[in-house]
Amino acid sequence: MVWRHPRFTLLVAATAWFALGLQLFLSLRLSTAQGGTPVGALVIYLGYFTVLTNLLVALSLSVPLMRPASRPGRWFQRPAVASAVAVSITLVGLAYHLLLRHVWDPQGLQKLADVMLHYAVPLLTVLHWWFAVPPTRMAWWAPLAWATWPLAYLAYALLRGLWLQTYPYPFIDVTVLGYARTLLNALGLLIAFLLVGALFVAVARWRARSLAASRH
C-alpha cells in the first residue's frame, strides 16, 4: 500500500461511511413521515454534492484498503487522485460554512450528521492527505483536471433539476435565479475550487522539495 498510515485511513473511511449511513437513515425517516417513498428519499439524498463527495471519500479510502493491488485500488492511491478528492471535500466544508450554515438549524441526530458530513470528514480527509499521501511534485494545471468532479456534478444537478423541477442548493436553483445567475454562481464556486486546488499543489510541491532536500 502506498499510504503510510492504514489505520488512520480506516478511521477516516469509517467516519465517512457512518456519516453517510446516518444521513441516509434520517432522509428515509423524514420521507416516510411526510408520506414519501424510500425511492424518493434516495433520489433526494443522491442529489447533494455533499453526499456524493463524502461517498467519493469513503470509496477512495475503502477500495485501496480492501483491494490495494486492484486497478481501482491503485488508481485511488495515486497522489493526484487523492489530492483531487481532498480538494473536493474541502470545497464541501468551505461552501457549507460560508454559504449554507445560516440557512437552517438542524437539531439532534441531524445536527450530528450535518457536522460529520460538512466538517469532520473534510478535516479528517485533509489530515489524511497530509499524513498518509506521499508528497509529490504535481503540475500547476492539475486542479483543472480535478475540476471534472464539480463540473460533472453541476451538469448532473441541472439535468436532474430540469427533470424534477427542484434543485438541491439555493445558489443553483434555476427556477428562482435563472440560468445566467446560476451559471455565474457556479463559476464563482469553480474559481474557489481552482484556488483551493492550487493551494494543495503548492503545499505538495513544497513538501516534495523539502523531502528531496532532506535526502541529500
N, C-alpha and C. Protein backbone atom coordinates (compact mmCIF):
# COMPACT_ATOMS: atom_id res chain seq x y z
N MET A 1 0.84 -1.21 0.00
CA MET A 1 0.00 0.00 0.00
C MET A 1 0.87 1.25 0.00
N VAL A 2 0.52 2.22 -0.81
CA VAL A 2 1.28 3.45 -0.90
C VAL A 2 1.08 4.29 0.35
N TRP A 3 -0.14 4.35 0.86
CA TRP A 3 -0.43 5.19 2.03
C TRP A 3 0.31 4.67 3.25
N ARG A 4 0.78 5.60 4.07
CA ARG A 4 1.69 5.26 5.15
C ARG A 4 1.00 4.96 6.47
N HIS A 5 -0.27 5.29 6.60
CA HIS A 5 -0.97 5.09 7.88
C HIS A 5 -2.32 4.43 7.63
N PRO A 6 -2.33 3.12 7.36
CA PRO A 6 -3.59 2.44 7.02
C PRO A 6 -4.63 2.50 8.13
N ARG A 7 -4.21 2.54 9.39
CA ARG A 7 -5.20 2.62 10.47
C ARG A 7 -5.92 3.96 10.45
N PHE A 8 -5.19 5.01 10.14
CA PHE A 8 -5.83 6.31 10.03
C PHE A 8 -6.75 6.35 8.81
N THR A 9 -6.30 5.72 7.73
CA THR A 9 -7.16 5.61 6.54
C THR A 9 -8.46 4.92 6.89
N LEU A 10 -8.38 3.84 7.67
CA LEU A 10 -9.57 3.12 8.09
C LEU A 10 -10.48 4.00 8.93
N LEU A 11 -9.89 4.79 9.82
CA LEU A 11 -10.68 5.69 10.67
C LEU A 11 -11.44 6.71 9.83
N VAL A 12 -10.77 7.31 8.86
CA VAL A 12 -11.43 8.32 8.02
C VAL A 12 -12.53 7.68 7.18
N ALA A 13 -12.23 6.52 6.60
CA ALA A 13 -13.24 5.82 5.80
C ALA A 13 -14.46 5.46 6.65
N ALA A 14 -14.22 4.94 7.85
CA ALA A 14 -15.33 4.55 8.73
C ALA A 14 -16.17 5.76 9.13
N THR A 15 -15.51 6.89 9.37
CA THR A 15 -16.24 8.11 9.72
C THR A 15 -17.13 8.55 8.57
N ALA A 16 -16.60 8.50 7.36
CA ALA A 16 -17.38 8.90 6.19
C ALA A 16 -18.57 7.97 5.98
N TRP A 17 -18.34 6.66 6.10
CA TRP A 17 -19.44 5.71 5.91
C TRP A 17 -20.51 5.88 6.99
N PHE A 18 -20.09 6.12 8.23
CA PHE A 18 -21.05 6.33 9.31
C PHE A 18 -21.89 7.57 9.05
N ALA A 19 -21.24 8.66 8.64
CA ALA A 19 -21.96 9.91 8.36
C ALA A 19 -22.95 9.71 7.22
N LEU A 20 -22.53 9.02 6.19
CA LEU A 20 -23.41 8.76 5.05
C LEU A 20 -24.59 7.88 5.47
N GLY A 21 -24.32 6.85 6.24
CA GLY A 21 -25.39 5.97 6.70
C GLY A 21 -26.38 6.69 7.59
N LEU A 22 -25.87 7.54 8.47
CA LEU A 22 -26.76 8.30 9.35
C LEU A 22 -27.65 9.23 8.56
N GLN A 23 -27.06 9.94 7.59
CA GLN A 23 -27.87 10.86 6.78
C GLN A 23 -28.90 10.11 5.94
N LEU A 24 -28.54 8.94 5.44
CA LEU A 24 -29.50 8.15 4.67
C LEU A 24 -30.66 7.72 5.57
N PHE A 25 -30.35 7.27 6.77
CA PHE A 25 -31.40 6.88 7.73
C PHE A 25 -32.34 8.06 8.01
N LEU A 26 -31.76 9.24 8.24
CA LEU A 26 -32.58 10.42 8.53
C LEU A 26 -33.41 10.84 7.33
N SER A 27 -32.84 10.72 6.13
CA SER A 27 -33.59 11.07 4.93
C SER A 27 -34.75 10.12 4.71
N LEU A 28 -34.53 8.84 4.93
CA LEU A 28 -35.61 7.86 4.80
C LEU A 28 -36.70 8.10 5.84
N ARG A 29 -36.28 8.39 7.06
CA ARG A 29 -37.26 8.64 8.13
C ARG A 29 -38.10 9.87 7.84
N LEU A 30 -37.46 10.93 7.36
CA LEU A 30 -38.19 12.15 7.03
C LEU A 30 -39.15 11.93 5.88
N SER A 31 -38.70 11.20 4.87
CA SER A 31 -39.56 10.93 3.72
C SER A 31 -40.79 10.12 4.14
N THR A 32 -40.58 9.13 4.98
CA THR A 32 -41.70 8.31 5.46
C THR A 32 -42.69 9.15 6.26
N ALA A 33 -42.17 10.03 7.11
CA ALA A 33 -43.03 10.88 7.93
C ALA A 33 -43.86 11.84 7.07
N GLN A 34 -43.33 12.21 5.92
CA GLN A 34 -44.03 13.13 5.03
C GLN A 34 -44.85 12.42 3.96
N GLY A 35 -44.96 11.10 4.08
CA GLY A 35 -45.75 10.34 3.13
C GLY A 35 -45.02 9.99 1.85
N GLY A 36 -43.70 10.14 1.84
CA GLY A 36 -42.91 9.82 0.66
C GLY A 36 -42.53 8.36 0.60
N THR A 37 -41.73 8.02 -0.38
CA THR A 37 -41.29 6.64 -0.58
C THR A 37 -39.78 6.54 -0.37
N PRO A 38 -39.28 5.34 -0.10
CA PRO A 38 -37.82 5.17 0.01
C PRO A 38 -37.08 5.57 -1.26
N VAL A 39 -37.68 5.28 -2.41
CA VAL A 39 -37.04 5.65 -3.67
C VAL A 39 -36.94 7.18 -3.79
N GLY A 40 -38.01 7.84 -3.43
CA GLY A 40 -37.99 9.30 -3.47
C GLY A 40 -36.96 9.88 -2.52
N ALA A 41 -36.84 9.28 -1.34
CA ALA A 41 -35.84 9.74 -0.38
C ALA A 41 -34.44 9.54 -0.92
N LEU A 42 -34.22 8.41 -1.60
CA LEU A 42 -32.90 8.13 -2.17
C LEU A 42 -32.57 9.11 -3.29
N VAL A 43 -33.55 9.48 -4.08
CA VAL A 43 -33.34 10.46 -5.16
C VAL A 43 -32.91 11.80 -4.57
N ILE A 44 -33.58 12.21 -3.51
CA ILE A 44 -33.21 13.47 -2.85
C ILE A 44 -31.82 13.36 -2.24
N TYR A 45 -31.55 12.27 -1.56
CA TYR A 45 -30.27 12.03 -0.89
C TYR A 45 -29.11 12.12 -1.86
N LEU A 46 -29.27 11.52 -3.03
CA LEU A 46 -28.20 11.48 -4.02
C LEU A 46 -28.14 12.74 -4.87
N GLY A 47 -28.91 13.73 -4.53
CA GLY A 47 -28.87 14.98 -5.28
C GLY A 47 -27.86 15.97 -4.76
N TYR A 48 -27.28 15.71 -3.60
CA TYR A 48 -26.41 16.69 -2.95
C TYR A 48 -24.93 16.43 -3.23
N PHE A 49 -24.22 17.48 -3.56
CA PHE A 49 -22.78 17.40 -3.75
C PHE A 49 -22.10 16.92 -2.47
N THR A 50 -22.62 17.35 -1.34
CA THR A 50 -22.08 16.92 -0.05
C THR A 50 -22.10 15.40 0.07
N VAL A 51 -23.25 14.81 -0.20
CA VAL A 51 -23.39 13.35 -0.07
C VAL A 51 -22.50 12.63 -1.08
N LEU A 52 -22.53 13.07 -2.33
CA LEU A 52 -21.77 12.40 -3.37
C LEU A 52 -20.27 12.52 -3.13
N THR A 53 -19.82 13.66 -2.62
CA THR A 53 -18.40 13.83 -2.38
C THR A 53 -17.96 13.07 -1.14
N ASN A 54 -18.79 13.01 -0.11
CA ASN A 54 -18.48 12.14 1.02
C ASN A 54 -18.44 10.68 0.59
N LEU A 55 -19.33 10.31 -0.32
CA LEU A 55 -19.31 8.95 -0.86
C LEU A 55 -18.01 8.70 -1.63
N LEU A 56 -17.57 9.71 -2.38
CA LEU A 56 -16.29 9.60 -3.10
C LEU A 56 -15.14 9.40 -2.11
N VAL A 57 -15.15 10.15 -1.02
CA VAL A 57 -14.12 9.98 0.01
C VAL A 57 -14.15 8.56 0.55
N ALA A 58 -15.33 8.10 0.92
CA ALA A 58 -15.46 6.76 1.52
C ALA A 58 -14.95 5.68 0.56
N LEU A 59 -15.33 5.77 -0.69
CA LEU A 59 -14.89 4.77 -1.67
C LEU A 59 -13.40 4.87 -1.95
N SER A 60 -12.90 6.10 -2.06
CA SER A 60 -11.49 6.29 -2.40
C SER A 60 -10.56 5.78 -1.32
N LEU A 61 -11.05 5.70 -0.09
CA LEU A 61 -10.24 5.16 1.00
C LEU A 61 -10.50 3.68 1.24
N SER A 62 -11.74 3.25 1.04
CA SER A 62 -12.11 1.86 1.33
C SER A 62 -11.58 0.88 0.29
N VAL A 63 -11.66 1.26 -0.99
CA VAL A 63 -11.23 0.34 -2.04
C VAL A 63 -9.75 -0.02 -1.91
N PRO A 64 -8.86 0.95 -1.70
CA PRO A 64 -7.44 0.58 -1.52
C PRO A 64 -7.19 -0.24 -0.26
N LEU A 65 -8.00 -0.05 0.78
CA LEU A 65 -7.84 -0.85 1.99
C LEU A 65 -8.22 -2.31 1.74
N MET A 66 -9.29 -2.50 0.97
CA MET A 66 -9.80 -3.85 0.74
C MET A 66 -9.06 -4.56 -0.40
N ARG A 67 -8.78 -3.79 -1.46
CA ARG A 67 -8.12 -4.40 -2.62
C ARG A 67 -7.04 -3.45 -3.14
N PRO A 68 -5.93 -3.34 -2.42
CA PRO A 68 -4.90 -2.37 -2.79
C PRO A 68 -4.23 -2.63 -4.13
N ALA A 69 -4.17 -3.89 -4.54
CA ALA A 69 -3.49 -4.22 -5.80
C ALA A 69 -4.42 -4.17 -7.01
N SER A 70 -5.71 -3.96 -6.80
CA SER A 70 -6.65 -3.89 -7.92
C SER A 70 -6.45 -2.60 -8.69
N ARG A 71 -6.98 -2.54 -9.89
CA ARG A 71 -6.84 -1.32 -10.68
C ARG A 71 -7.48 -0.12 -10.00
N PRO A 72 -8.73 -0.23 -9.48
CA PRO A 72 -9.30 0.90 -8.74
C PRO A 72 -8.49 1.24 -7.49
N GLY A 73 -8.00 0.20 -6.79
CA GLY A 73 -7.22 0.43 -5.59
C GLY A 73 -5.96 1.22 -5.88
N ARG A 74 -5.25 0.84 -6.94
CA ARG A 74 -4.03 1.56 -7.32
C ARG A 74 -4.36 2.98 -7.78
N TRP A 75 -5.48 3.12 -8.49
CA TRP A 75 -5.85 4.44 -9.02
C TRP A 75 -6.17 5.41 -7.89
N PHE A 76 -6.93 4.97 -6.91
CA PHE A 76 -7.29 5.84 -5.79
C PHE A 76 -6.07 6.20 -4.93
N GLN A 77 -5.03 5.36 -4.97
CA GLN A 77 -3.84 5.64 -4.18
C GLN A 77 -2.89 6.63 -4.86
N ARG A 78 -3.16 6.96 -6.11
CA ARG A 78 -2.30 7.93 -6.79
C ARG A 78 -2.41 9.28 -6.08
N PRO A 79 -1.28 9.92 -5.78
CA PRO A 79 -1.32 11.20 -5.07
C PRO A 79 -2.20 12.24 -5.74
N ALA A 80 -2.20 12.28 -7.07
CA ALA A 80 -3.03 13.27 -7.77
C ALA A 80 -4.51 12.99 -7.55
N VAL A 81 -4.90 11.72 -7.55
CA VAL A 81 -6.31 11.35 -7.32
C VAL A 81 -6.70 11.65 -5.88
N ALA A 82 -5.84 11.26 -4.93
CA ALA A 82 -6.11 11.56 -3.52
C ALA A 82 -6.21 13.07 -3.29
N SER A 83 -5.41 13.83 -4.01
CA SER A 83 -5.46 15.30 -3.88
C SER A 83 -6.77 15.84 -4.44
N ALA A 84 -7.22 15.29 -5.56
CA ALA A 84 -8.49 15.72 -6.14
C ALA A 84 -9.64 15.48 -5.17
N VAL A 85 -9.63 14.33 -4.52
CA VAL A 85 -10.67 14.01 -3.54
C VAL A 85 -10.59 14.98 -2.35
N ALA A 86 -9.38 15.25 -1.88
CA ALA A 86 -9.20 16.14 -0.74
C ALA A 86 -9.67 17.56 -1.07
N VAL A 87 -9.36 18.04 -2.27
CA VAL A 87 -9.80 19.38 -2.68
C VAL A 87 -11.32 19.43 -2.77
N SER A 88 -11.93 18.39 -3.31
CA SER A 88 -13.38 18.35 -3.48
C SER A 88 -14.10 18.39 -2.14
N ILE A 89 -13.62 17.60 -1.18
CA ILE A 89 -14.30 17.59 0.12
C ILE A 89 -13.99 18.86 0.90
N THR A 90 -12.84 19.48 0.64
CA THR A 90 -12.55 20.77 1.25
C THR A 90 -13.55 21.82 0.77
N LEU A 91 -13.88 21.78 -0.53
CA LEU A 91 -14.88 22.70 -1.06
C LEU A 91 -16.22 22.49 -0.39
N VAL A 92 -16.56 21.24 -0.10
CA VAL A 92 -17.81 20.95 0.62
C VAL A 92 -17.85 21.71 1.94
N GLY A 93 -16.78 21.58 2.71
CA GLY A 93 -16.73 22.24 4.00
C GLY A 93 -16.76 23.75 3.90
N LEU A 94 -15.97 24.30 2.99
CA LEU A 94 -15.90 25.75 2.84
C LEU A 94 -17.22 26.33 2.34
N ALA A 95 -17.81 25.70 1.32
CA ALA A 95 -19.06 26.21 0.76
C ALA A 95 -20.18 26.15 1.79
N TYR A 96 -20.22 25.07 2.55
CA TYR A 96 -21.27 24.97 3.58
C TYR A 96 -21.07 26.05 4.64
N HIS A 97 -19.85 26.20 5.11
CA HIS A 97 -19.58 27.14 6.19
C HIS A 97 -19.87 28.58 5.75
N LEU A 98 -19.53 28.91 4.52
CA LEU A 98 -19.67 30.29 4.07
C LEU A 98 -21.06 30.61 3.50
N LEU A 99 -21.71 29.61 2.91
CA LEU A 99 -22.94 29.88 2.16
C LEU A 99 -24.21 29.27 2.75
N LEU A 100 -24.08 28.17 3.49
CA LEU A 100 -25.29 27.40 3.81
C LEU A 100 -25.57 27.21 5.30
N ARG A 101 -24.58 27.39 6.15
CA ARG A 101 -24.80 27.05 7.56
C ARG A 101 -25.85 27.93 8.23
N HIS A 102 -26.12 29.12 7.66
CA HIS A 102 -27.13 30.00 8.24
C HIS A 102 -28.53 29.75 7.67
N VAL A 103 -28.60 28.85 6.67
CA VAL A 103 -29.88 28.61 6.00
C VAL A 103 -30.82 27.78 6.86
N TRP A 104 -30.25 26.89 7.70
CA TRP A 104 -31.10 26.05 8.53
C TRP A 104 -30.41 25.78 9.86
N ASP A 105 -31.16 25.22 10.80
CA ASP A 105 -30.65 24.97 12.14
C ASP A 105 -31.00 23.54 12.55
N PRO A 106 -30.22 22.56 12.08
CA PRO A 106 -30.54 21.16 12.39
C PRO A 106 -30.38 20.86 13.87
N GLN A 107 -31.14 19.88 14.32
CA GLN A 107 -31.11 19.50 15.73
C GLN A 107 -30.93 17.99 15.86
N GLY A 108 -30.48 17.55 17.02
CA GLY A 108 -30.40 16.13 17.32
C GLY A 108 -29.47 15.38 16.39
N LEU A 109 -29.95 14.22 15.92
CA LEU A 109 -29.14 13.40 15.02
C LEU A 109 -28.82 14.11 13.72
N GLN A 110 -29.73 14.96 13.26
CA GLN A 110 -29.47 15.70 12.03
C GLN A 110 -28.30 16.66 12.21
N LYS A 111 -28.18 17.22 13.40
CA LYS A 111 -27.04 18.08 13.71
C LYS A 111 -25.75 17.28 13.65
N LEU A 112 -25.77 16.07 14.21
CA LEU A 112 -24.59 15.21 14.18
C LEU A 112 -24.20 14.88 12.75
N ALA A 113 -25.18 14.48 11.93
CA ALA A 113 -24.89 14.17 10.53
C ALA A 113 -24.35 15.39 9.80
N ASP A 114 -24.93 16.54 10.08
CA ASP A 114 -24.52 17.79 9.45
C ASP A 114 -23.05 18.10 9.76
N VAL A 115 -22.68 18.01 11.02
CA VAL A 115 -21.31 18.29 11.44
C VAL A 115 -20.33 17.28 10.85
N MET A 116 -20.72 16.03 10.83
CA MET A 116 -19.82 14.99 10.32
C MET A 116 -19.59 15.14 8.82
N LEU A 117 -20.67 15.37 8.07
CA LEU A 117 -20.55 15.45 6.61
C LEU A 117 -19.82 16.72 6.15
N HIS A 118 -20.05 17.83 6.86
CA HIS A 118 -19.52 19.12 6.39
C HIS A 118 -18.24 19.57 7.08
N TYR A 119 -17.94 18.99 8.23
CA TYR A 119 -16.76 19.43 8.97
C TYR A 119 -15.80 18.28 9.31
N ALA A 120 -16.32 17.23 9.94
CA ALA A 120 -15.44 16.16 10.40
C ALA A 120 -14.77 15.43 9.24
N VAL A 121 -15.56 14.99 8.26
CA VAL A 121 -14.98 14.25 7.14
C VAL A 121 -14.03 15.14 6.32
N PRO A 122 -14.40 16.40 5.99
CA PRO A 122 -13.42 17.24 5.29
C PRO A 122 -12.11 17.42 6.05
N LEU A 123 -12.19 17.69 7.35
CA LEU A 123 -10.98 17.88 8.15
C LEU A 123 -10.14 16.60 8.20
N LEU A 124 -10.78 15.47 8.45
CA LEU A 124 -10.05 14.21 8.51
C LEU A 124 -9.42 13.85 7.16
N THR A 125 -10.11 14.17 6.08
CA THR A 125 -9.58 13.86 4.76
C THR A 125 -8.34 14.70 4.46
N VAL A 126 -8.38 15.97 4.84
CA VAL A 126 -7.20 16.83 4.64
C VAL A 126 -6.04 16.33 5.49
N LEU A 127 -6.32 15.93 6.73
CA LEU A 127 -5.27 15.38 7.58
C LEU A 127 -4.71 14.09 6.98
N HIS A 128 -5.60 13.27 6.43
CA HIS A 128 -5.16 12.05 5.77
C HIS A 128 -4.26 12.39 4.59
N TRP A 129 -4.64 13.37 3.82
CA TRP A 129 -3.82 13.80 2.68
C TRP A 129 -2.44 14.23 3.15
N TRP A 130 -2.38 14.94 4.26
CA TRP A 130 -1.10 15.44 4.78
C TRP A 130 -0.23 14.30 5.32
N PHE A 131 -0.80 13.41 6.11
CA PHE A 131 -0.01 12.40 6.81
C PHE A 131 0.19 11.11 6.02
N ALA A 132 -0.79 10.74 5.19
CA ALA A 132 -0.75 9.42 4.57
C ALA A 132 -0.39 9.42 3.09
N VAL A 133 -0.68 10.50 2.38
CA VAL A 133 -0.40 10.55 0.94
C VAL A 133 1.02 11.07 0.71
N PRO A 134 1.85 10.33 0.00
CA PRO A 134 3.22 10.77 -0.23
C PRO A 134 3.26 12.12 -0.96
N PRO A 135 4.08 13.06 -0.50
CA PRO A 135 4.18 14.36 -1.19
C PRO A 135 4.76 14.18 -2.59
N THR A 136 4.13 14.82 -3.54
CA THR A 136 4.52 14.67 -4.94
C THR A 136 4.55 16.04 -5.61
N ARG A 137 5.49 16.22 -6.51
CA ARG A 137 5.59 17.47 -7.26
C ARG A 137 4.56 17.43 -8.40
N MET A 138 3.36 17.92 -8.13
CA MET A 138 2.28 17.90 -9.12
C MET A 138 2.31 19.13 -10.02
N ALA A 139 1.76 18.99 -11.20
CA ALA A 139 1.72 20.11 -12.15
C ALA A 139 0.74 21.17 -11.68
N TRP A 140 1.03 22.42 -12.01
CA TRP A 140 0.15 23.52 -11.60
C TRP A 140 -1.21 23.43 -12.26
N TRP A 141 -1.28 22.77 -13.42
CA TRP A 141 -2.57 22.68 -14.11
C TRP A 141 -3.44 21.54 -13.57
N ALA A 142 -2.93 20.78 -12.60
CA ALA A 142 -3.68 19.63 -12.08
C ALA A 142 -5.09 19.99 -11.60
N PRO A 143 -5.29 21.13 -10.93
CA PRO A 143 -6.66 21.45 -10.49
C PRO A 143 -7.67 21.55 -11.63
N LEU A 144 -7.20 21.87 -12.84
CA LEU A 144 -8.11 21.91 -13.98
C LEU A 144 -8.68 20.52 -14.26
N ALA A 145 -7.84 19.51 -14.12
CA ALA A 145 -8.31 18.13 -14.29
C ALA A 145 -9.20 17.72 -13.12
N TRP A 146 -8.83 18.13 -11.93
CA TRP A 146 -9.63 17.77 -10.75
C TRP A 146 -11.02 18.39 -10.81
N ALA A 147 -11.15 19.52 -11.51
CA ALA A 147 -12.44 20.21 -11.60
C ALA A 147 -13.48 19.41 -12.37
N THR A 148 -13.06 18.30 -12.97
CA THR A 148 -14.02 17.42 -13.65
C THR A 148 -15.14 17.00 -12.71
N TRP A 149 -14.79 16.74 -11.45
CA TRP A 149 -15.81 16.27 -10.48
C TRP A 149 -16.88 17.32 -10.21
N PRO A 150 -16.55 18.55 -9.80
CA PRO A 150 -17.61 19.53 -9.57
C PRO A 150 -18.35 19.92 -10.84
N LEU A 151 -17.66 19.92 -11.98
CA LEU A 151 -18.34 20.25 -13.24
C LEU A 151 -19.32 19.14 -13.62
N ALA A 152 -18.93 17.90 -13.40
CA ALA A 152 -19.85 16.79 -13.67
C ALA A 152 -21.06 16.88 -12.75
N TYR A 153 -20.83 17.26 -11.50
CA TYR A 153 -21.96 17.41 -10.58
C TYR A 153 -22.88 18.53 -11.04
N LEU A 154 -22.32 19.65 -11.50
CA LEU A 154 -23.16 20.76 -11.95
C LEU A 154 -24.06 20.32 -13.10
N ALA A 155 -23.48 19.61 -14.07
CA ALA A 155 -24.29 19.11 -15.18
C ALA A 155 -25.38 18.17 -14.68
N TYR A 156 -25.02 17.29 -13.76
CA TYR A 156 -25.99 16.35 -13.18
C TYR A 156 -27.09 17.09 -12.43
N ALA A 157 -26.72 18.08 -11.62
CA ALA A 157 -27.71 18.82 -10.82
C ALA A 157 -28.67 19.60 -11.71
N LEU A 158 -28.14 20.18 -12.78
CA LEU A 158 -29.01 20.96 -13.67
C LEU A 158 -29.95 20.06 -14.46
N LEU A 159 -29.44 18.93 -14.94
CA LEU A 159 -30.30 18.00 -15.67
C LEU A 159 -31.33 17.38 -14.73
N ARG A 160 -30.89 17.04 -13.53
CA ARG A 160 -31.81 16.49 -12.53
C ARG A 160 -32.87 17.51 -12.17
N GLY A 161 -32.48 18.77 -12.02
CA GLY A 161 -33.42 19.83 -11.70
C GLY A 161 -34.42 20.07 -12.82
N LEU A 162 -33.94 19.98 -14.06
CA LEU A 162 -34.83 20.15 -15.20
C LEU A 162 -35.90 19.06 -15.22
N TRP A 163 -35.51 17.87 -14.79
CA TRP A 163 -36.44 16.74 -14.77
C TRP A 163 -37.38 16.83 -13.57
N LEU A 164 -36.84 17.11 -12.39
CA LEU A 164 -37.65 17.08 -11.16
C LEU A 164 -38.23 18.44 -10.79
N GLN A 165 -37.70 19.50 -11.41
CA GLN A 165 -38.09 20.87 -11.06
C GLN A 165 -37.81 21.20 -9.60
N THR A 166 -36.71 20.68 -9.11
CA THR A 166 -36.22 21.01 -7.77
C THR A 166 -34.71 20.93 -7.78
N TYR A 167 -34.07 21.82 -7.04
CA TYR A 167 -32.61 21.91 -7.04
C TYR A 167 -32.10 21.80 -5.61
N PRO A 168 -30.98 21.11 -5.41
CA PRO A 168 -30.52 20.83 -4.06
C PRO A 168 -29.98 22.04 -3.30
N TYR A 169 -29.51 23.06 -4.03
CA TYR A 169 -28.91 24.22 -3.37
C TYR A 169 -29.50 25.51 -3.90
N PRO A 170 -29.72 26.50 -3.03
CA PRO A 170 -30.35 27.75 -3.49
C PRO A 170 -29.52 28.53 -4.50
N PHE A 171 -28.20 28.38 -4.47
CA PHE A 171 -27.36 29.15 -5.40
C PHE A 171 -27.29 28.54 -6.79
N ILE A 172 -27.91 27.37 -7.00
CA ILE A 172 -28.04 26.83 -8.35
C ILE A 172 -29.50 26.53 -8.68
N ASP A 173 -30.42 27.22 -8.02
CA ASP A 173 -31.85 27.00 -8.25
C ASP A 173 -32.29 27.81 -9.46
N VAL A 174 -32.34 27.14 -10.59
CA VAL A 174 -32.66 27.81 -11.86
C VAL A 174 -34.07 28.39 -11.83
N THR A 175 -35.00 27.74 -11.14
CA THR A 175 -36.38 28.22 -11.11
C THR A 175 -36.50 29.58 -10.43
N VAL A 176 -35.56 29.90 -9.54
CA VAL A 176 -35.56 31.19 -8.84
C VAL A 176 -34.59 32.17 -9.47
N LEU A 177 -33.40 31.69 -9.83
CA LEU A 177 -32.33 32.58 -10.28
C LEU A 177 -32.23 32.73 -11.78
N GLY A 178 -32.71 31.73 -12.52
CA GLY A 178 -32.48 31.72 -13.96
C GLY A 178 -31.10 31.14 -14.26
N TYR A 179 -30.90 30.77 -15.51
CA TYR A 179 -29.64 30.11 -15.89
C TYR A 179 -28.44 31.05 -15.82
N ALA A 180 -28.61 32.29 -16.18
CA ALA A 180 -27.47 33.22 -16.20
C ALA A 180 -26.88 33.37 -14.80
N ARG A 181 -27.73 33.65 -13.81
CA ARG A 181 -27.24 33.83 -12.45
C ARG A 181 -26.72 32.51 -11.87
N THR A 182 -27.40 31.41 -12.19
CA THR A 182 -26.96 30.11 -11.71
C THR A 182 -25.56 29.78 -12.22
N LEU A 183 -25.32 30.00 -13.51
CA LEU A 183 -24.01 29.71 -14.08
C LEU A 183 -22.95 30.65 -13.55
N LEU A 184 -23.32 31.89 -13.25
CA LEU A 184 -22.37 32.84 -12.65
C LEU A 184 -21.98 32.37 -11.25
N ASN A 185 -22.97 31.91 -10.48
CA ASN A 185 -22.67 31.37 -9.15
C ASN A 185 -21.76 30.14 -9.26
N ALA A 186 -22.06 29.29 -10.23
CA ALA A 186 -21.25 28.09 -10.43
C ALA A 186 -19.82 28.46 -10.81
N LEU A 187 -19.67 29.50 -11.62
CA LEU A 187 -18.34 29.96 -11.99
C LEU A 187 -17.56 30.43 -10.77
N GLY A 188 -18.24 31.13 -9.86
CA GLY A 188 -17.58 31.56 -8.63
C GLY A 188 -17.10 30.39 -7.80
N LEU A 189 -17.92 29.36 -7.70
CA LEU A 189 -17.53 28.17 -6.95
C LEU A 189 -16.40 27.43 -7.65
N LEU A 190 -16.43 27.43 -8.98
CA LEU A 190 -15.35 26.78 -9.72
C LEU A 190 -14.02 27.49 -9.49
N ILE A 191 -14.06 28.81 -9.49
CA ILE A 191 -12.85 29.58 -9.21
C ILE A 191 -12.33 29.27 -7.81
N ALA A 192 -13.25 29.19 -6.85
CA ALA A 192 -12.85 28.84 -5.48
C ALA A 192 -12.22 27.45 -5.45
N PHE A 193 -12.79 26.51 -6.19
CA PHE A 193 -12.23 25.16 -6.26
C PHE A 193 -10.82 25.19 -6.83
N LEU A 194 -10.61 25.95 -7.89
CA LEU A 194 -9.29 26.02 -8.52
C LEU A 194 -8.27 26.68 -7.60
N LEU A 195 -8.70 27.67 -6.84
CA LEU A 195 -7.79 28.32 -5.90
C LEU A 195 -7.38 27.37 -4.78
N VAL A 196 -8.36 26.63 -4.26
CA VAL A 196 -8.04 25.64 -3.23
C VAL A 196 -7.13 24.56 -3.81
N GLY A 197 -7.42 24.16 -5.04
CA GLY A 197 -6.57 23.16 -5.70
C GLY A 197 -5.15 23.66 -5.87
N ALA A 198 -5.01 24.92 -6.26
CA ALA A 198 -3.67 25.50 -6.42
C ALA A 198 -2.92 25.52 -5.10
N LEU A 199 -3.64 25.76 -4.01
CA LEU A 199 -3.01 25.74 -2.68
C LEU A 199 -2.51 24.34 -2.35
N PHE A 200 -3.30 23.33 -2.64
CA PHE A 200 -2.87 21.95 -2.41
C PHE A 200 -1.64 21.61 -3.25
N VAL A 201 -1.63 22.04 -4.50
CA VAL A 201 -0.48 21.79 -5.36
C VAL A 201 0.76 22.46 -4.80
N ALA A 202 0.61 23.72 -4.36
CA ALA A 202 1.74 24.46 -3.80
C ALA A 202 2.31 23.75 -2.58
N VAL A 203 1.42 23.30 -1.69
CA VAL A 203 1.86 22.60 -0.49
C VAL A 203 2.54 21.28 -0.86
N ALA A 204 1.96 20.53 -1.79
CA ALA A 204 2.55 19.26 -2.20
C ALA A 204 3.93 19.46 -2.82
N ARG A 205 4.07 20.48 -3.65
CA ARG A 205 5.37 20.75 -4.27
C ARG A 205 6.40 21.17 -3.22
N TRP A 206 5.98 21.98 -2.26
CA TRP A 206 6.89 22.39 -1.18
C TRP A 206 7.34 21.20 -0.35
N ARG A 207 6.39 20.32 -0.03
CA ARG A 207 6.73 19.14 0.75
C ARG A 207 7.65 18.20 -0.04
N ALA A 208 7.41 18.08 -1.34
CA ALA A 208 8.26 17.22 -2.17
C ALA A 208 9.68 17.77 -2.24
N ARG A 209 9.82 19.11 -2.37
CA ARG A 209 11.14 19.73 -2.38
C ARG A 209 11.85 19.52 -1.05
N SER A 210 11.10 19.70 0.03
CA SER A 210 11.69 19.55 1.36
C SER A 210 12.15 18.11 1.58
N LEU A 211 11.36 17.15 1.13
CA LEU A 211 11.72 15.74 1.28
C LEU A 211 12.97 15.41 0.46
N ALA A 212 12.99 15.95 -0.77
CA ALA A 212 14.17 15.69 -1.62
C ALA A 212 15.43 16.30 -1.03
N ALA A 213 15.30 17.51 -0.47
CA ALA A 213 16.46 18.19 0.14
C ALA A 213 16.98 17.45 1.35
N SER A 214 16.05 16.86 2.13
CA SER A 214 16.46 16.14 3.35
C SER A 214 17.21 14.86 3.05
N ARG A 215 17.06 14.36 1.82
CA ARG A 215 17.72 13.12 1.44
C ARG A 215 19.11 13.34 0.87
N HIS A 216 19.48 14.59 0.69
CA HIS A 216 20.81 14.92 0.16
C HIS A 216 21.75 15.39 1.27
